[in-house]
Amino acid sequence: MAKSTSNDAQALIHSLYSAYTATPTKLKIIDIYVIFAILTALVQIVYMGVVGTFPFNSFLSGVLSCVGTAVLAVCLRIQVNKENKEFKDLPPERAFADFVLCNLVLHLVIMNFLG
């Protein structure tokens, strides 16, 4: 029984890998950016757990900045993906401009929250 589970897991990993190799490079770069933002938020959470939460607004601002940036990057990935039929009329330049503008607004709010 464990052997079939191992074979199933290997087949799943192989199918995910083969599907991801067909992904365009632009989407892979966005994926790396999302992973970096999430890892940065996790590092901040671990640091808070080790050191403490004295300037809690700063901790909250840092984590919300990372998570908000990751969410906006996922939205950018959805809009730029050619296989997504909902945004077929949206040019990639417009999607990127929306991403930059939303990031600007997000970080202005985060800087205001720092106090």
N, C-alpha and C. Protein backbone atom coordinates (compact mmCIF):
# COMPACT_ATOMS: atom_id res chain seq x y z
N MET A 1 0.81 -1.19 0.00
CA MET A 1 0.00 0.00 0.00
C MET A 1 0.86 1.26 0.00
N ALA A 2 1.97 1.26 0.71
CA ALA A 2 2.84 2.42 0.74
C ALA A 2 3.51 2.62 -0.61
N LYS A 3 3.74 1.55 -1.33
CA LYS A 3 4.38 1.67 -2.63
C LYS A 3 3.48 2.39 -3.62
N SER A 4 2.19 2.10 -3.61
CA SER A 4 1.28 2.79 -4.53
C SER A 4 1.15 4.27 -4.16
N THR A 5 1.21 4.58 -2.88
CA THR A 5 1.17 5.98 -2.46
C THR A 5 2.41 6.71 -2.94
N SER A 6 3.55 6.04 -2.85
CA SER A 6 4.79 6.63 -3.32
C SER A 6 4.76 6.83 -4.84
N ASN A 7 4.22 5.86 -5.56
CA ASN A 7 4.11 6.00 -7.01
C ASN A 7 3.14 7.11 -7.38
N ASP A 8 2.05 7.22 -6.63
CA ASP A 8 1.09 8.29 -6.89
C ASP A 8 1.74 9.66 -6.65
N ALA A 9 2.50 9.77 -5.58
CA ALA A 9 3.16 11.03 -5.27
C ALA A 9 4.18 11.38 -6.35
N GLN A 10 4.93 10.39 -6.81
CA GLN A 10 5.91 10.64 -7.87
C GLN A 10 5.22 11.05 -9.17
N ALA A 11 4.10 10.42 -9.48
CA ALA A 11 3.36 10.77 -10.69
C ALA A 11 2.80 12.19 -10.59
N LEU A 12 2.32 12.55 -9.40
CA LEU A 12 1.81 13.90 -9.20
C LEU A 12 2.91 14.93 -9.36
N ILE A 13 4.06 14.68 -8.74
CA ILE A 13 5.18 15.61 -8.83
C ILE A 13 5.66 15.73 -10.28
N HIS A 14 5.72 14.60 -10.97
CA HIS A 14 6.15 14.63 -12.37
C HIS A 14 5.16 15.41 -13.24
N SER A 15 3.88 15.23 -13.02
CA SER A 15 2.89 15.95 -13.83
C SER A 15 2.91 17.45 -13.52
N LEU A 16 3.10 17.82 -12.24
CA LEU A 16 3.21 19.23 -11.90
C LEU A 16 4.45 19.85 -12.51
N TYR A 17 5.56 19.11 -12.47
CA TYR A 17 6.81 19.62 -13.04
C TYR A 17 6.69 19.79 -14.55
N SER A 18 6.10 18.82 -15.23
CA SER A 18 5.97 18.93 -16.68
C SER A 18 5.00 20.05 -17.06
N ALA A 19 3.97 20.28 -16.28
CA ALA A 19 3.05 21.38 -16.56
C ALA A 19 3.72 22.73 -16.29
N TYR A 20 4.56 22.80 -15.26
CA TYR A 20 5.19 24.07 -14.92
C TYR A 20 6.31 24.42 -15.90
N THR A 21 6.93 23.41 -16.52
CA THR A 21 7.96 23.72 -17.50
C THR A 21 7.37 24.38 -18.74
N ALA A 22 6.08 24.17 -18.99
CA ALA A 22 5.41 24.80 -20.13
C ALA A 22 4.95 26.22 -19.81
N THR A 23 5.10 26.66 -18.57
CA THR A 23 4.68 28.00 -18.16
C THR A 23 5.64 29.03 -18.74
N PRO A 24 5.12 30.14 -19.26
CA PRO A 24 6.01 31.19 -19.80
C PRO A 24 6.92 31.78 -18.73
N THR A 25 8.04 32.32 -19.18
CA THR A 25 9.04 32.86 -18.25
C THR A 25 8.51 34.05 -17.46
N LYS A 26 7.68 34.88 -18.07
CA LYS A 26 7.11 36.04 -17.35
C LYS A 26 6.31 35.59 -16.13
N LEU A 27 5.55 34.52 -16.29
CA LEU A 27 4.75 34.03 -15.17
C LEU A 27 5.64 33.39 -14.10
N LYS A 28 6.73 32.76 -14.51
CA LYS A 28 7.65 32.18 -13.54
C LYS A 28 8.33 33.26 -12.71
N ILE A 29 8.64 34.39 -13.34
CA ILE A 29 9.25 35.51 -12.60
C ILE A 29 8.27 36.06 -11.57
N ILE A 30 7.01 36.17 -11.95
CA ILE A 30 5.99 36.64 -11.01
C ILE A 30 5.83 35.63 -9.87
N ASP A 31 5.89 34.33 -10.19
CA ASP A 31 5.80 33.30 -9.15
C ASP A 31 6.95 33.42 -8.15
N ILE A 32 8.15 33.67 -8.65
CA ILE A 32 9.31 33.83 -7.76
C ILE A 32 9.12 35.06 -6.87
N TYR A 33 8.57 36.13 -7.42
CA TYR A 33 8.30 37.34 -6.65
C TYR A 33 7.28 37.08 -5.53
N VAL A 34 6.24 36.31 -5.85
CA VAL A 34 5.23 35.97 -4.85
C VAL A 34 5.86 35.13 -3.73
N ILE A 35 6.67 34.15 -4.11
CA ILE A 35 7.33 33.30 -3.11
C ILE A 35 8.25 34.13 -2.23
N PHE A 36 8.98 35.08 -2.84
CA PHE A 36 9.86 35.95 -2.06
C PHE A 36 9.06 36.79 -1.07
N ALA A 37 7.94 37.34 -1.50
CA ALA A 37 7.13 38.17 -0.60
C ALA A 37 6.58 37.35 0.57
N ILE A 38 6.12 36.14 0.29
CA ILE A 38 5.59 35.28 1.36
C ILE A 38 6.70 34.86 2.31
N LEU A 39 7.88 34.52 1.77
CA LEU A 39 8.99 34.14 2.64
C LEU A 39 9.44 35.31 3.51
N THR A 40 9.41 36.51 2.96
CA THR A 40 9.77 37.69 3.76
C THR A 40 8.78 37.90 4.90
N ALA A 41 7.50 37.68 4.64
CA ALA A 41 6.50 37.79 5.70
C ALA A 41 6.74 36.72 6.77
N LEU A 42 7.07 35.51 6.34
CA LEU A 42 7.34 34.44 7.31
C LEU A 42 8.57 34.75 8.16
N VAL A 43 9.61 35.31 7.54
CA VAL A 43 10.81 35.69 8.31
C VAL A 43 10.45 36.74 9.34
N GLN A 44 9.61 37.69 8.98
CA GLN A 44 9.20 38.72 9.93
C GLN A 44 8.39 38.13 11.07
N ILE A 45 7.55 37.16 10.78
CA ILE A 45 6.75 36.51 11.83
C ILE A 45 7.65 35.73 12.78
N VAL A 46 8.62 35.01 12.23
CA VAL A 46 9.57 34.27 13.08
C VAL A 46 10.39 35.24 13.93
N TYR A 47 10.83 36.33 13.33
CA TYR A 47 11.59 37.33 14.07
C TYR A 47 10.75 37.91 15.21
N MET A 48 9.47 38.15 14.94
CA MET A 48 8.58 38.66 15.98
C MET A 48 8.46 37.65 17.11
N GLY A 49 8.38 36.37 16.75
CA GLY A 49 8.27 35.35 17.78
C GLY A 49 9.53 35.25 18.63
N VAL A 50 10.69 35.48 18.04
CA VAL A 50 11.95 35.36 18.77
C VAL A 50 12.24 36.62 19.58
N VAL A 51 12.11 37.77 18.98
CA VAL A 51 12.52 39.02 19.61
C VAL A 51 11.40 39.66 20.41
N GLY A 52 10.20 39.66 19.88
CA GLY A 52 9.09 40.30 20.58
C GLY A 52 8.37 41.26 19.66
N THR A 53 7.31 41.84 20.18
CA THR A 53 6.46 42.71 19.36
C THR A 53 6.43 44.14 19.87
N PHE A 54 7.56 44.66 20.33
CA PHE A 54 7.51 46.00 20.92
C PHE A 54 6.93 47.04 19.97
N PRO A 55 7.55 47.30 18.80
CA PRO A 55 6.83 48.23 17.91
C PRO A 55 5.85 47.43 17.05
N PHE A 56 4.67 47.15 17.63
CA PHE A 56 3.71 46.27 16.96
C PHE A 56 3.23 46.85 15.64
N ASN A 57 3.10 48.18 15.56
CA ASN A 57 2.69 48.79 14.29
C ASN A 57 3.70 48.51 13.19
N SER A 58 4.98 48.52 13.53
CA SER A 58 6.01 48.25 12.54
C SER A 58 5.94 46.80 12.07
N PHE A 59 5.76 45.89 13.02
CA PHE A 59 5.63 44.48 12.63
C PHE A 59 4.42 44.27 11.75
N LEU A 60 3.29 44.82 12.15
CA LEU A 60 2.06 44.66 11.38
C LEU A 60 2.18 45.29 10.00
N SER A 61 2.81 46.45 9.93
CA SER A 61 3.01 47.10 8.64
C SER A 61 3.89 46.27 7.72
N GLY A 62 4.95 45.70 8.26
CA GLY A 62 5.85 44.89 7.44
C GLY A 62 5.17 43.65 6.90
N VAL A 63 4.43 42.96 7.76
CA VAL A 63 3.76 41.73 7.32
C VAL A 63 2.64 42.06 6.32
N LEU A 64 1.86 43.09 6.61
CA LEU A 64 0.78 43.45 5.69
C LEU A 64 1.33 43.95 4.35
N SER A 65 2.47 44.60 4.38
CA SER A 65 3.10 45.02 3.13
C SER A 65 3.50 43.82 2.29
N CYS A 66 4.10 42.82 2.92
CA CYS A 66 4.51 41.62 2.18
C CYS A 66 3.30 40.85 1.66
N VAL A 67 2.31 40.67 2.49
CA VAL A 67 1.13 39.90 2.08
C VAL A 67 0.35 40.67 1.01
N GLY A 68 0.20 41.97 1.18
CA GLY A 68 -0.50 42.77 0.17
C GLY A 68 0.21 42.77 -1.16
N THR A 69 1.54 42.85 -1.13
CA THR A 69 2.31 42.80 -2.37
C THR A 69 2.16 41.44 -3.04
N ALA A 70 2.14 40.38 -2.25
CA ALA A 70 1.96 39.04 -2.82
C ALA A 70 0.58 38.91 -3.46
N VAL A 71 -0.44 39.44 -2.82
CA VAL A 71 -1.79 39.36 -3.37
C VAL A 71 -1.88 40.15 -4.67
N LEU A 72 -1.29 41.33 -4.70
CA LEU A 72 -1.30 42.12 -5.93
C LEU A 72 -0.51 41.43 -7.04
N ALA A 73 0.57 40.75 -6.70
CA ALA A 73 1.34 40.03 -7.70
C ALA A 73 0.56 38.83 -8.25
N VAL A 74 -0.22 38.18 -7.40
CA VAL A 74 -1.06 37.08 -7.88
C VAL A 74 -2.12 37.62 -8.83
N CYS A 75 -2.68 38.78 -8.51
CA CYS A 75 -3.65 39.40 -9.42
C CYS A 75 -2.99 39.76 -10.75
N LEU A 76 -1.76 40.25 -10.70
CA LEU A 76 -1.02 40.54 -11.92
C LEU A 76 -0.81 39.27 -12.74
N ARG A 77 -0.47 38.18 -12.06
CA ARG A 77 -0.24 36.91 -12.76
C ARG A 77 -1.52 36.43 -13.44
N ILE A 78 -2.64 36.60 -12.78
CA ILE A 78 -3.92 36.19 -13.37
C ILE A 78 -4.22 37.03 -14.61
N GLN A 79 -3.95 38.33 -14.54
CA GLN A 79 -4.27 39.21 -15.66
C GLN A 79 -3.32 39.02 -16.84
N VAL A 80 -2.06 38.67 -16.58
CA VAL A 80 -1.07 38.55 -17.64
C VAL A 80 -1.12 37.18 -18.31
N ASN A 81 -1.66 36.20 -17.64
CA ASN A 81 -1.71 34.84 -18.17
C ASN A 81 -2.53 34.80 -19.46
N LYS A 82 -1.91 34.31 -20.53
CA LYS A 82 -2.58 34.27 -21.83
C LYS A 82 -3.71 33.24 -21.87
N GLU A 83 -3.65 32.22 -21.02
CA GLU A 83 -4.67 31.18 -21.01
C GLU A 83 -5.96 31.62 -20.30
N ASN A 84 -5.90 32.72 -19.58
CA ASN A 84 -7.07 33.24 -18.88
C ASN A 84 -7.93 34.02 -19.86
N LYS A 85 -9.13 33.57 -20.08
CA LYS A 85 -10.00 34.18 -21.09
C LYS A 85 -10.73 35.43 -20.58
N GLU A 86 -10.78 35.63 -19.27
CA GLU A 86 -11.49 36.80 -18.73
C GLU A 86 -10.78 38.11 -19.05
N PHE A 87 -9.45 38.07 -19.12
CA PHE A 87 -8.68 39.29 -19.33
C PHE A 87 -7.99 39.30 -20.69
N LYS A 88 -8.63 38.70 -21.69
CA LYS A 88 -8.00 38.61 -23.00
C LYS A 88 -7.88 39.97 -23.68
N ASP A 89 -8.77 40.90 -23.37
CA ASP A 89 -8.72 42.24 -23.98
C ASP A 89 -7.82 43.20 -23.22
N LEU A 90 -7.31 42.80 -22.07
CA LEU A 90 -6.47 43.67 -21.25
C LEU A 90 -5.01 43.52 -21.66
N PRO A 91 -4.38 44.59 -22.14
CA PRO A 91 -2.96 44.46 -22.51
C PRO A 91 -2.09 44.29 -21.26
N PRO A 92 -0.98 43.57 -21.40
CA PRO A 92 -0.10 43.34 -20.24
C PRO A 92 0.46 44.63 -19.65
N GLU A 93 0.65 45.64 -20.49
CA GLU A 93 1.17 46.91 -19.99
C GLU A 93 0.17 47.57 -19.04
N ARG A 94 -1.10 47.46 -19.36
CA ARG A 94 -2.15 48.02 -18.50
C ARG A 94 -2.20 47.26 -17.18
N ALA A 95 -2.08 45.93 -17.24
CA ALA A 95 -2.09 45.13 -16.02
C ALA A 95 -0.91 45.50 -15.13
N PHE A 96 0.26 45.71 -15.74
CA PHE A 96 1.44 46.09 -14.95
C PHE A 96 1.28 47.49 -14.37
N ALA A 97 0.69 48.40 -15.14
CA ALA A 97 0.46 49.76 -14.62
C ALA A 97 -0.51 49.71 -13.43
N ASP A 98 -1.54 48.89 -13.52
CA ASP A 98 -2.46 48.72 -12.39
C ASP A 98 -1.73 48.16 -11.17
N PHE A 99 -0.84 47.20 -11.41
CA PHE A 99 -0.05 46.60 -10.33
C PHE A 99 0.81 47.66 -9.65
N VAL A 100 1.48 48.47 -10.43
CA VAL A 100 2.35 49.50 -9.86
C VAL A 100 1.53 50.54 -9.10
N LEU A 101 0.42 50.97 -9.67
CA LEU A 101 -0.42 51.97 -9.00
C LEU A 101 -0.99 51.42 -7.69
N CYS A 102 -1.46 50.18 -7.70
CA CYS A 102 -2.01 49.58 -6.48
C CYS A 102 -0.92 49.39 -5.43
N ASN A 103 0.29 49.03 -5.86
CA ASN A 103 1.40 48.92 -4.92
C ASN A 103 1.74 50.26 -4.31
N LEU A 104 1.69 51.30 -5.12
CA LEU A 104 1.95 52.65 -4.60
C LEU A 104 0.93 53.03 -3.53
N VAL A 105 -0.33 52.80 -3.81
CA VAL A 105 -1.39 53.11 -2.84
C VAL A 105 -1.23 52.25 -1.58
N LEU A 106 -0.95 50.96 -1.77
CA LEU A 106 -0.75 50.06 -0.62
C LEU A 106 0.37 50.56 0.27
N HIS A 107 1.49 50.91 -0.32
CA HIS A 107 2.63 51.31 0.50
C HIS A 107 2.46 52.71 1.10
N LEU A 108 1.69 53.57 0.46
CA LEU A 108 1.36 54.85 1.11
C LEU A 108 0.50 54.62 2.35
N VAL A 109 -0.44 53.70 2.26
CA VAL A 109 -1.26 53.37 3.43
C VAL A 109 -0.41 52.73 4.51
N ILE A 110 0.49 51.83 4.12
CA ILE A 110 1.37 51.17 5.09
C ILE A 110 2.27 52.20 5.78
N MET A 111 2.82 53.15 5.02
CA MET A 111 3.68 54.17 5.62
C MET A 111 2.88 55.06 6.57
N ASN A 112 1.63 55.32 6.24
CA ASN A 112 0.78 56.11 7.13
C ASN A 112 0.47 55.33 8.41
N PHE A 113 0.33 54.03 8.29
CA PHE A 113 0.01 53.21 9.45
C PHE A 113 1.20 53.07 10.40
N LEU A 114 2.40 53.20 9.87
CA LEU A 114 3.60 53.10 10.72
C LEU A 114 3.56 54.13 11.84
N GLY A 115 3.06 55.29 11.54
CA GLY A 115 2.90 56.33 12.55
C GLY A 115 4.18 56.87 13.00
